[in-house]
N, C-alpha and C. Protein backbone atom coordinates (compact mmCIF):
# COMPACT_ATOMS: atom_id res chain seq x y z
N UNK A 1 42.81 -16.67 35.85
CA UNK A 1 41.77 -15.65 35.95
C UNK A 1 42.90 -14.30 36.13
N UNK A 2 42.47 -13.25 35.27
CA UNK A 2 43.62 -12.16 34.98
C UNK A 2 42.76 -11.22 36.30
N UNK A 3 43.16 -11.07 37.18
CA UNK A 3 42.31 -10.51 38.41
C UNK A 3 42.31 -8.84 38.30
N UNK A 4 43.51 -8.22 37.97
CA UNK A 4 43.26 -6.57 37.53
C UNK A 4 42.15 -6.62 36.52
N UNK A 5 42.08 -7.13 35.45
CA UNK A 5 40.83 -7.21 34.32
C UNK A 5 39.66 -7.30 35.19
N UNK A 6 39.60 -8.33 35.62
CA UNK A 6 38.21 -8.83 36.50
C UNK A 6 37.98 -7.57 37.58
N UNK A 7 39.06 -7.04 38.05
CA UNK A 7 38.54 -5.63 39.35
C UNK A 7 37.84 -4.61 37.95
N UNK A 8 38.55 -4.33 37.18
CA UNK A 8 38.30 -3.58 36.16
C UNK A 8 36.57 -3.45 35.71
N UNK A 9 36.28 -4.68 35.30
CA UNK A 9 35.02 -4.92 34.85
C UNK A 9 34.18 -4.74 35.80
N UNK A 10 34.58 -5.52 36.93
CA UNK A 10 33.43 -5.44 37.88
C UNK A 10 33.65 -3.83 38.81
N UNK A 11 34.44 -3.18 38.36
CA UNK A 11 34.12 -1.92 38.94
C UNK A 11 33.10 -0.95 38.01
N UNK A 12 33.76 -1.23 36.71
CA UNK A 12 32.59 -0.43 35.67
C UNK A 12 31.20 -0.97 35.80
N UNK A 13 30.88 -2.55 36.01
CA UNK A 13 29.58 -2.99 36.25
C UNK A 13 28.81 -2.42 37.32
N UNK A 14 29.38 -2.29 38.50
CA UNK A 14 28.98 -1.99 39.85
C UNK A 14 28.57 -0.45 39.93
N UNK A 15 29.38 0.44 39.03
CA UNK A 15 29.08 1.56 38.40
C UNK A 15 28.09 1.84 37.91
N UNK A 16 27.76 0.97 36.54
CA UNK A 16 26.49 0.71 35.73
C UNK A 16 25.34 0.38 36.47
N UNK A 17 25.54 -0.45 37.54
CA UNK A 17 24.11 -0.92 38.27
C UNK A 17 23.89 0.16 39.56
N UNK A 18 24.93 0.92 40.12
CA UNK A 18 24.36 2.15 40.96
C UNK A 18 23.97 3.05 40.10
N UNK A 19 24.65 3.29 38.78
CA UNK A 19 24.14 4.46 38.41
C UNK A 19 22.83 4.78 37.56
N UNK A 20 22.77 3.40 37.02
CA UNK A 20 21.79 3.27 35.96
C UNK A 20 20.30 2.82 36.79
N UNK A 21 20.11 2.57 37.68
CA UNK A 21 19.36 1.45 38.57
C UNK A 21 18.32 2.03 38.38
N UNK A 22 17.95 3.56 38.86
CA UNK A 22 16.82 3.99 38.66
C UNK A 22 16.19 4.32 37.55
N UNK A 23 17.30 4.89 36.64
CA UNK A 23 16.82 5.13 35.23
C UNK A 23 16.16 3.60 34.43
N UNK A 24 16.80 2.51 34.85
CA UNK A 24 16.44 1.35 34.17
C UNK A 24 14.98 0.50 35.06
N UNK A 25 14.49 1.43 35.76
CA UNK A 25 13.36 0.54 36.77
C UNK A 25 12.30 0.55 35.54
N UNK A 26 11.32 -0.57 35.87
CA UNK A 26 9.89 -0.85 35.14
C UNK A 26 9.03 0.23 35.79
N UNK A 27 8.95 1.31 35.60
CA UNK A 27 7.83 2.53 36.01
C UNK A 27 8.20 2.87 37.29
N UNK A 28 7.09 2.65 38.21
CA UNK A 28 7.55 3.19 39.67
C UNK A 28 8.07 2.18 40.82
N UNK A 29 8.12 0.78 39.79
CA UNK A 29 8.35 -0.38 40.76
C UNK A 29 10.05 -0.17 41.27
N UNK A 30 10.55 -1.18 41.90
CA UNK A 30 12.06 -1.36 42.11
C UNK A 30 12.27 -2.14 41.22
N UNK A 31 11.45 -3.01 40.44
CA UNK A 31 12.02 -3.87 39.44
C UNK A 31 12.91 -3.35 38.21
N UNK A 32 14.65 -3.92 38.20
CA UNK A 32 15.50 -3.08 37.51
C UNK A 32 16.56 -4.26 37.24
N UNK A 33 17.09 -4.34 36.18
CA UNK A 33 18.07 -5.77 35.71
C UNK A 33 19.11 -5.12 36.52
N UNK A 34 20.01 -6.55 36.89
CA UNK A 34 21.53 -6.33 37.22
C UNK A 34 22.52 -6.17 36.30
N UNK A 35 23.47 -5.85 36.41
CA UNK A 35 24.50 -5.93 35.23
C UNK A 35 25.74 -6.75 35.91
N UNK A 36 25.73 -6.94 37.49
CA UNK A 36 26.48 -7.90 38.11
C UNK A 36 26.38 -9.26 37.74
N UNK A 37 25.05 -9.81 37.89
CA UNK A 37 24.72 -11.42 37.85
C UNK A 37 25.26 -11.74 36.32
N UNK A 38 25.13 -10.92 35.42
CA UNK A 38 25.35 -11.46 34.02
C UNK A 38 26.90 -11.81 34.17
N UNK A 39 27.62 -11.04 34.54
CA UNK A 39 29.12 -11.14 34.72
C UNK A 39 29.36 -12.11 35.70
N UNK A 40 28.67 -12.38 36.61
CA UNK A 40 28.92 -13.43 37.53
C UNK A 40 28.74 -14.62 36.72
N UNK A 41 27.77 -14.87 36.00
CA UNK A 41 27.13 -15.92 35.04
C UNK A 41 28.33 -16.37 34.40
N UNK A 42 28.97 -15.14 33.19
CA UNK A 42 29.90 -15.28 32.18
C UNK A 42 31.37 -15.86 33.12
N UNK A 43 31.52 -15.30 34.26
CA UNK A 43 32.87 -15.90 35.06
C UNK A 43 32.29 -17.76 35.16
N UNK A 44 31.24 -17.90 35.79
CA UNK A 44 30.67 -18.94 36.25
C UNK A 44 30.91 -20.29 35.00
N UNK A 45 30.58 -19.65 33.75
CA UNK A 45 30.27 -20.59 32.78
C UNK A 45 31.86 -21.10 32.24
N UNK A 46 32.97 -20.17 32.41
CA UNK A 46 34.17 -20.50 32.09
C UNK A 46 35.43 -20.31 33.00
N UNK A 47 35.01 -20.38 34.40
CA UNK A 47 36.59 -20.33 35.13
C UNK A 47 36.66 -21.64 35.69
N UNK A 48 37.78 -21.90 36.26
CA UNK A 48 37.83 -23.00 37.18
C UNK A 48 36.77 -22.95 38.60
N UNK A 49 36.50 -24.14 38.99
CA UNK A 49 35.70 -24.08 40.29
C UNK A 49 36.25 -22.95 41.45
N UNK A 50 37.50 -23.46 41.96
CA UNK A 50 38.12 -22.25 42.76
C UNK A 50 38.15 -21.09 42.38
N UNK A 51 38.59 -20.82 41.52
CA UNK A 51 38.51 -19.29 40.84
C UNK A 51 36.89 -18.75 40.73
N UNK A 52 36.03 -19.62 40.46
CA UNK A 52 34.79 -19.11 40.49
C UNK A 52 34.29 -19.05 41.72
N UNK A 53 34.47 -19.71 42.68
CA UNK A 53 34.19 -19.42 44.07
C UNK A 53 34.35 -18.12 44.65
N UNK A 54 35.99 -18.02 44.37
CA UNK A 54 36.59 -16.57 45.06
C UNK A 54 35.47 -15.34 44.54
N UNK A 55 35.68 -15.38 42.97
CA UNK A 55 34.86 -14.12 42.41
C UNK A 55 33.94 -14.22 42.67
N UNK A 56 32.99 -15.20 43.07
CA UNK A 56 31.75 -15.21 43.44
C UNK A 56 31.31 -14.33 44.79
N UNK A 57 32.06 -14.76 45.68
CA UNK A 57 32.44 -14.11 47.04
C UNK A 57 32.92 -12.74 46.78
N UNK A 58 33.82 -12.44 45.96
CA UNK A 58 34.37 -10.94 45.91
C UNK A 58 32.85 -10.31 45.43
N UNK A 59 32.25 -10.55 43.85
CA UNK A 59 31.06 -9.73 43.60
C UNK A 59 30.16 -9.96 44.56
N UNK A 60 29.60 -10.85 45.63
CA UNK A 60 29.21 -10.76 46.42
C UNK A 60 29.13 -9.92 48.01
N UNK A 61 30.25 -10.03 48.26
CA UNK A 61 30.93 -8.72 49.23
C UNK A 61 30.68 -7.61 48.76
N UNK A 62 31.02 -7.37 47.56
CA UNK A 62 30.90 -5.68 47.12
C UNK A 62 29.33 -5.28 46.98
N UNK A 63 28.56 -6.38 46.74
CA UNK A 63 26.74 -6.01 46.35
C UNK A 63 26.49 -5.65 47.66
N UNK A 64 27.08 -6.59 48.80
CA UNK A 64 26.49 -6.51 50.33
C UNK A 64 26.77 -4.87 50.68
N UNK A 65 28.06 -4.59 50.30
CA UNK A 65 28.66 -3.44 50.74
C UNK A 65 27.59 -2.42 50.16
N UNK A 66 27.36 -2.48 48.92
CA UNK A 66 27.00 -0.86 48.20
C UNK A 66 25.49 -1.17 48.02
N UNK A 67 24.73 -2.30 48.65
CA UNK A 67 23.15 -1.94 48.65
C UNK A 67 22.91 -2.20 50.32
N UNK A 68 22.77 -1.15 50.98
CA UNK A 68 22.30 -1.21 52.51
C UNK A 68 21.16 -1.05 52.48
N UNK A 69 20.35 -1.65 53.67
CA UNK A 69 19.04 -1.77 54.14
C UNK A 69 18.44 -0.84 55.13
N UNK A 70 17.29 -0.69 54.90
CA UNK A 70 16.70 0.37 55.55
C UNK A 70 16.45 0.05 56.73
N UNK A 71 16.17 0.79 57.88
CA UNK A 71 15.85 0.15 59.50
C UNK A 71 14.59 0.47 59.50
N UNK A 72 14.11 -0.19 60.46
CA UNK A 72 12.44 0.02 60.61
C UNK A 72 12.17 1.58 61.53
N UNK A 73 13.21 2.08 62.24
CA UNK A 73 12.77 2.91 62.89
C UNK A 73 13.02 4.32 62.52
N UNK A 74 13.07 4.20 61.02
CA UNK A 74 13.51 5.37 60.14
C UNK A 74 14.72 5.93 60.22
N UNK A 75 15.88 5.24 60.97
CA UNK A 75 17.43 5.30 61.41
C UNK A 75 18.27 5.12 59.84
N UNK A 76 19.45 5.50 60.06
CA UNK A 76 20.28 5.24 58.98
C UNK A 76 20.31 3.71 58.27
N UNK A 77 20.30 3.85 57.29
CA UNK A 77 20.68 2.24 56.80
C UNK A 77 21.45 1.34 56.84
N UNK A 78 21.68 0.18 57.41
CA UNK A 78 22.35 -0.91 57.60
C UNK A 78 23.00 -1.65 56.53
N UNK A 79 24.41 -1.45 56.98
CA UNK A 79 24.95 -2.94 55.86
C UNK A 79 25.29 -4.01 56.44
N UNK A 80 24.56 -5.07 55.92
CA UNK A 80 25.29 -6.49 56.45
C UNK A 80 25.67 -7.25 55.19
N UNK A 81 26.62 -7.80 55.95
CA UNK A 81 27.69 -8.79 55.13
C UNK A 81 27.40 -9.50 55.09
N UNK A 82 27.01 -10.33 53.96
CA UNK A 82 26.68 -11.92 53.86
C UNK A 82 25.85 -12.40 53.10
N UNK A 83 24.44 -11.62 53.13
CA UNK A 83 23.51 -12.32 52.21
C UNK A 83 23.99 -12.63 50.71
N UNK A 84 24.09 -11.61 50.13
CA UNK A 84 24.68 -11.58 48.37
C UNK A 84 25.79 -12.16 48.39
N UNK A 85 27.00 -12.20 49.31
CA UNK A 85 27.82 -13.41 48.92
C UNK A 85 27.41 -14.64 49.27
N UNK A 86 26.58 -15.18 50.03
CA UNK A 86 26.03 -16.62 50.09
C UNK A 86 25.09 -16.69 48.61
N UNK A 87 24.12 -15.83 48.43
CA UNK A 87 23.75 -15.65 47.36
C UNK A 87 24.38 -15.83 46.18
N UNK A 88 25.33 -15.22 45.88
CA UNK A 88 26.21 -15.19 44.64
C UNK A 88 27.04 -16.36 44.32
N UNK A 89 27.30 -16.82 45.80
CA UNK A 89 28.00 -18.24 45.77
C UNK A 89 27.39 -19.33 45.35
N UNK A 90 25.79 -19.42 46.12
CA UNK A 90 25.13 -20.78 45.45
C UNK A 90 24.57 -20.71 43.97
N UNK A 91 24.45 -19.07 43.64
CA UNK A 91 23.97 -18.96 41.97
C UNK A 91 25.14 -19.16 41.33
N UNK A 92 26.32 -19.13 41.58
CA UNK A 92 27.56 -19.85 40.74
C UNK A 92 27.56 -21.11 40.80
N UNK A 93 27.47 -21.52 41.89
CA UNK A 93 27.40 -23.22 42.03
C UNK A 93 26.57 -23.87 41.04
N UNK A 94 25.17 -23.08 40.85
CA UNK A 94 23.92 -23.70 40.09
C UNK A 94 24.58 -23.25 38.69
N UNK A 95 25.02 -22.59 38.11
CA UNK A 95 25.71 -22.51 36.70
C UNK A 95 27.00 -23.07 36.88
N UNK A 96 27.53 -23.85 37.58
CA UNK A 96 29.05 -24.55 37.24
C UNK A 96 28.56 -25.83 36.83
N UNK A 97 27.11 -26.26 37.95
CA UNK A 97 26.70 -27.66 37.56
C UNK A 97 25.83 -27.56 36.17
N UNK A 98 25.30 -26.55 35.68
CA UNK A 98 24.71 -26.24 34.41
C UNK A 98 25.51 -26.16 33.07
N UNK A 99 26.67 -25.68 33.65
CA UNK A 99 27.53 -25.38 32.62
C UNK A 99 27.76 -26.41 31.41
N UNK A 100 27.92 -27.53 31.86
CA UNK A 100 28.25 -28.66 31.01
C UNK A 100 27.23 -29.21 29.74
N UNK A 101 25.92 -28.68 30.24
CA UNK A 101 24.81 -28.76 29.26
C UNK A 101 24.55 -27.60 28.40
N UNK A 102 25.49 -26.50 28.69
CA UNK A 102 25.35 -25.29 27.86
C UNK A 102 26.71 -25.10 26.68
N UNK A 103 26.17 -24.33 25.76
CA UNK A 103 26.56 -23.44 24.93
C UNK A 103 27.48 -22.61 25.42
N UNK A 104 28.69 -22.63 25.66
CA UNK A 104 29.10 -21.52 26.62
C UNK A 104 29.60 -20.52 25.58
N UNK A 105 29.59 -20.38 24.20
CA UNK A 105 29.88 -19.35 23.49
C UNK A 105 28.59 -18.64 23.27
N UNK A 106 27.42 -18.98 23.38
CA UNK A 106 26.21 -18.49 23.14
C UNK A 106 25.54 -17.26 23.98
N UNK A 107 25.35 -16.02 23.56
CA UNK A 107 25.03 -15.17 24.40
C UNK A 107 23.80 -15.18 24.78
N UNK A 108 22.85 -16.23 24.25
CA UNK A 108 21.41 -16.52 25.00
C UNK A 108 21.98 -17.71 26.32
N UNK A 109 23.10 -17.95 26.16
CA UNK A 109 23.08 -18.93 27.50
C UNK A 109 23.42 -17.73 28.48
N UNK A 110 24.25 -16.52 28.38
CA UNK A 110 24.47 -16.25 29.63
C UNK A 110 23.44 -15.34 30.13
N UNK A 111 22.35 -15.38 28.77
CA UNK A 111 20.94 -14.48 29.44
C UNK A 111 20.31 -15.44 30.25
N UNK A 112 20.10 -16.62 29.55
CA UNK A 112 19.27 -17.52 30.37
C UNK A 112 19.53 -17.88 32.01
N UNK A 113 21.06 -18.26 31.56
CA UNK A 113 21.72 -18.43 33.19
C UNK A 113 21.47 -17.23 34.03
N UNK A 114 21.57 -16.25 33.41
CA UNK A 114 21.66 -15.07 34.17
C UNK A 114 20.43 -15.06 34.86
N UNK A 115 19.43 -15.13 34.46
CA UNK A 115 17.80 -15.26 35.17
C UNK A 115 17.77 -16.53 36.34
N UNK A 116 18.26 -17.31 36.14
CA UNK A 116 18.44 -18.74 37.09
C UNK A 116 19.25 -18.19 38.03
N UNK A 117 20.60 -17.61 37.83
CA UNK A 117 21.42 -17.25 39.08
C UNK A 117 20.84 -15.95 39.90
N UNK A 118 20.24 -14.93 38.84
CA UNK A 118 19.56 -13.90 39.98
C UNK A 118 18.53 -14.25 40.63
N UNK A 119 17.52 -15.17 40.15
CA UNK A 119 16.72 -15.99 41.28
C UNK A 119 17.10 -16.64 42.41
N UNK A 120 18.01 -17.46 42.06
CA UNK A 120 18.75 -18.15 43.39
C UNK A 120 19.63 -17.33 44.44
N UNK A 121 20.12 -16.35 43.92
CA UNK A 121 20.53 -15.24 44.58
C UNK A 121 19.80 -14.32 45.27
N UNK A 122 18.62 -14.08 44.65
CA UNK A 122 17.89 -13.45 45.15
C UNK A 122 17.07 -14.02 46.55
N UNK A 123 16.48 -15.40 46.00
CA UNK A 123 15.92 -16.05 47.01
C UNK A 123 16.73 -16.30 48.35
N UNK A 124 18.00 -16.64 48.40
CA UNK A 124 18.81 -16.75 49.03
C UNK A 124 19.04 -15.17 50.09
N UNK A 125 18.79 -14.11 49.39
CA UNK A 125 18.82 -13.34 50.02
C UNK A 125 17.62 -12.55 50.83
N UNK A 126 16.50 -12.97 50.49
CA UNK A 126 15.07 -12.90 51.00
C UNK A 126 14.97 -13.61 52.36
N UNK A 127 15.66 -15.05 51.88
CA UNK A 127 15.43 -15.84 53.00
C UNK A 127 16.37 -15.52 54.18
N UNK A 128 17.41 -14.93 53.74
CA UNK A 128 18.63 -14.62 55.17
C UNK A 128 17.91 -13.13 55.77
N UNK A 129 17.60 -12.22 54.65
CA UNK A 129 17.07 -11.11 55.61
C UNK A 129 15.46 -11.36 56.32
N UNK A 130 14.72 -12.32 56.05
CA UNK A 130 13.73 -12.76 56.59
C UNK A 130 13.59 -13.22 57.49
N UNK A 131 14.89 -14.06 57.85
CA UNK A 131 15.24 -15.13 59.11
C UNK A 131 15.62 -13.78 59.92
N UNK A 132 16.34 -12.68 59.72
CA UNK A 132 16.94 -12.09 60.30
C UNK A 132 15.76 -10.84 61.03
N UNK A 133 15.02 -10.45 60.23
CA UNK A 133 13.69 -9.86 60.61
C UNK A 133 12.95 -10.66 61.49
N UNK A 134 12.71 -11.73 61.47
CA UNK A 134 11.83 -12.81 62.37
C UNK A 134 12.54 -13.01 63.91
N UNK A 135 13.95 -12.93 63.92
CA UNK A 135 14.52 -12.85 64.97
C UNK A 135 14.68 -11.81 65.65
N UNK A 136 14.21 -10.50 65.11
CA UNK A 136 14.16 -9.31 66.02
C UNK A 136 15.33 -8.13 65.39
N UNK A 137 15.78 -8.41 64.13
CA UNK A 137 16.44 -7.00 63.76
C UNK A 137 15.58 -6.28 63.26
N UNK A 138 16.07 -4.63 63.32
CA UNK A 138 15.27 -3.81 63.22
C UNK A 138 15.30 -3.62 61.55
N UNK A 139 14.89 -4.22 60.97
CA UNK A 139 15.32 -3.95 59.44
C UNK A 139 13.95 -3.67 58.96
N UNK A 140 13.55 -2.74 57.97
CA UNK A 140 12.30 -2.79 57.51
C UNK A 140 12.21 -3.61 56.30
N UNK A 141 11.63 -4.89 56.56
CA UNK A 141 11.51 -6.28 55.64
C UNK A 141 10.22 -6.51 55.43
N UNK A 142 9.68 -6.42 54.28
CA UNK A 142 8.30 -7.10 53.73
C UNK A 142 8.56 -8.57 52.86
N UNK A 143 8.79 -9.50 53.10
CA UNK A 143 9.29 -10.85 52.55
C UNK A 143 8.68 -11.00 51.19
N UNK A 144 7.14 -11.00 51.49
CA UNK A 144 6.40 -11.36 49.99
C UNK A 144 6.94 -10.25 49.11
N UNK A 145 6.80 -8.88 49.65
CA UNK A 145 6.73 -7.80 48.64
C UNK A 145 8.53 -7.99 47.88
N UNK A 146 9.50 -8.34 48.72
CA UNK A 146 10.78 -8.42 48.13
C UNK A 146 10.97 -9.56 47.69
N UNK A 147 10.42 -10.52 47.82
CA UNK A 147 10.84 -11.58 46.90
C UNK A 147 10.10 -11.71 45.36
N UNK A 148 8.98 -11.22 45.51
CA UNK A 148 8.47 -10.82 44.11
C UNK A 148 8.87 -9.88 43.33
N UNK A 149 9.46 -8.84 43.94
CA UNK A 149 9.93 -7.50 43.13
C UNK A 149 11.45 -8.55 42.93
N UNK A 150 12.23 -9.01 43.52
CA UNK A 150 13.24 -9.37 43.17
C UNK A 150 13.32 -10.79 42.23
N UNK A 151 12.52 -11.73 42.50
CA UNK A 151 12.11 -12.46 41.39
C UNK A 151 12.04 -11.61 39.92
N UNK A 152 11.04 -10.60 39.68
CA UNK A 152 11.02 -9.83 38.96
C UNK A 152 12.00 -9.27 38.17
N UNK A 153 12.74 -8.49 39.35
CA UNK A 153 14.30 -8.24 38.72
C UNK A 153 14.96 -9.09 38.20
N UNK A 154 14.83 -10.56 38.39
CA UNK A 154 15.72 -11.66 37.85
C UNK A 154 15.30 -12.08 36.50
N UNK A 155 14.10 -11.69 36.37
CA UNK A 155 13.73 -11.82 34.96
C UNK A 155 14.17 -10.70 33.97
N UNK A 156 14.44 -9.66 34.44
CA UNK A 156 14.76 -8.60 33.43
C UNK A 156 16.69 -8.80 33.31
N UNK A 157 17.06 -9.68 34.16
CA UNK A 157 18.50 -9.82 33.80
C UNK A 157 18.75 -10.28 32.82
N UNK A 158 17.74 -11.26 32.02
CA UNK A 158 17.73 -11.71 30.91
C UNK A 158 18.07 -10.68 29.71
N UNK A 159 17.91 -9.60 29.80
CA UNK A 159 17.96 -8.20 28.66
C UNK A 159 19.72 -8.04 29.07
N UNK A 160 19.77 -7.93 30.35
CA UNK A 160 21.22 -6.95 30.50
C UNK A 160 22.00 -8.30 30.31
N UNK A 161 21.97 -9.48 30.45
CA UNK A 161 22.82 -10.78 30.03
C UNK A 161 23.12 -10.77 28.79
N UNK A 162 21.97 -10.59 28.09
CA UNK A 162 22.27 -10.83 26.64
C UNK A 162 23.22 -9.88 26.01
N UNK A 163 22.64 -8.62 26.57
CA UNK A 163 23.88 -7.20 26.30
C UNK A 163 25.57 -7.58 26.40
N UNK A 164 25.33 -7.74 27.75
CA UNK A 164 26.97 -7.87 28.01
C UNK A 164 27.32 -8.78 27.61
N UNK A 165 26.55 -9.97 27.13
CA UNK A 165 27.55 -10.94 26.59
C UNK A 165 28.24 -10.66 25.37
N UNK A 166 27.75 -9.75 24.67
CA UNK A 166 28.22 -9.63 23.53
C UNK A 166 29.60 -8.75 23.70
N UNK A 167 29.67 -8.13 24.83
CA UNK A 167 30.89 -7.41 25.54
C UNK A 167 31.86 -8.29 26.08
N UNK A 168 31.28 -9.03 26.70
CA UNK A 168 32.08 -9.92 27.82
C UNK A 168 32.59 -11.28 27.01
N UNK A 169 31.84 -12.04 26.25
CA UNK A 169 32.38 -13.16 25.18
C UNK A 169 33.51 -12.96 24.96
N UNK A 170 33.88 -11.74 24.04
CA UNK A 170 35.05 -11.43 23.36
C UNK A 170 36.26 -11.24 24.34
N UNK A 171 36.00 -10.69 25.34
CA UNK A 171 37.25 -10.81 26.32
C UNK A 171 37.39 -12.00 27.30
N UNK A 172 36.70 -13.07 27.00
CA UNK A 172 37.43 -14.16 28.03
C UNK A 172 38.57 -14.25 27.50
N UNK A 173 39.30 -14.35 26.77
CA UNK A 173 40.97 -14.45 26.34
C UNK A 173 41.60 -13.90 27.29
N UNK A 174 41.48 -12.42 27.19
CA UNK A 174 42.16 -11.55 28.12
C UNK A 174 42.00 -11.59 29.89
N UNK A 175 40.77 -12.12 30.15
CA UNK A 175 40.57 -12.71 31.42
C UNK A 175 40.95 -14.01 31.84
N UNK A 176 41.74 -14.68 30.41
CA UNK A 176 42.11 -15.65 30.91
C UNK A 176 41.21 -17.14 31.23
N UNK A 177 40.08 -16.90 30.71
CA UNK A 177 38.91 -17.95 30.98
C UNK A 177 38.82 -18.68 29.80
N UNK A 178 38.06 -19.94 29.77
CA UNK A 178 38.08 -20.74 28.59
C UNK A 178 36.63 -20.80 28.23
N UNK A 179 36.11 -20.21 27.17
CA UNK A 179 34.64 -20.49 26.97
C UNK A 179 34.50 -21.45 25.77
N UNK A 180 35.27 -22.50 25.82
CA UNK A 180 34.75 -23.40 25.00
C UNK A 180 35.79 -23.46 23.67
N UNK A 181 36.60 -22.79 23.35
CA UNK A 181 37.57 -22.79 22.30
C UNK A 181 38.19 -23.68 22.44
N UNK A 182 38.90 -23.99 20.87
CA UNK A 182 39.70 -25.34 21.29
C UNK A 182 40.90 -24.92 21.50
N UNK A 183 41.53 -25.94 21.99
CA UNK A 183 42.85 -26.01 22.93
C UNK A 183 43.95 -26.79 22.29
N UNK A 184 44.88 -26.33 22.60
CA UNK A 184 46.33 -26.72 21.78
C UNK A 184 46.40 -28.21 22.67
N UNK A 185 46.64 -29.45 21.90
CA UNK A 185 47.52 -30.25 22.67
C UNK A 185 48.45 -30.16 23.11
N UNK A 186 49.14 -29.90 24.29
CA UNK A 186 50.57 -30.04 24.68
C UNK A 186 51.63 -31.18 24.22
N UNK A 187 50.80 -32.16 23.99
CA UNK A 187 51.79 -33.32 23.37
C UNK A 187 52.16 -33.12 22.12
N UNK A 188 51.27 -32.26 21.27
CA UNK A 188 51.78 -32.02 19.76
C UNK A 188 52.66 -31.34 19.88
N UNK A 189 52.70 -30.30 20.39
CA UNK A 189 53.76 -29.26 20.24
C UNK A 189 55.09 -29.54 19.60
């Protein structure tokens, strides 16, 4: 894995997610696509498992740091580290399990797996925040509303995944990722 290029692409995608999230919302709802989840899926379909886990934890940690949660008493927002990191880790494991059955170079694969990965990650996030809310954390949290809007946002990841796949798939060799291209046999060299 080319970690500097990974960091650059992550930085650009987090910028797009933070900058365009409000513009891409479906009407007045908080339903919006993610740009980071398709990148996580792209890395998940082509990286070795150990590299994939590190990348998922990094993307999840940065997501935890960039999306604070509102508090009940109207005070400042709280940054809670862990829900997205764990959610992205489990989502990457799902993609790792499914990638042997997928055509890795197909943009529709990234779109389809982005929906599944986003749904798994959001279920983990909602579960963790709901648990924190039940045990008495002062977060402003409505589990049913959050789950429904986050699952609807997961569906919109198919569009962002499809669009981003046309940019990310050609970058795979630069990132040092194998997307199913033919490899040279080292014994024949």
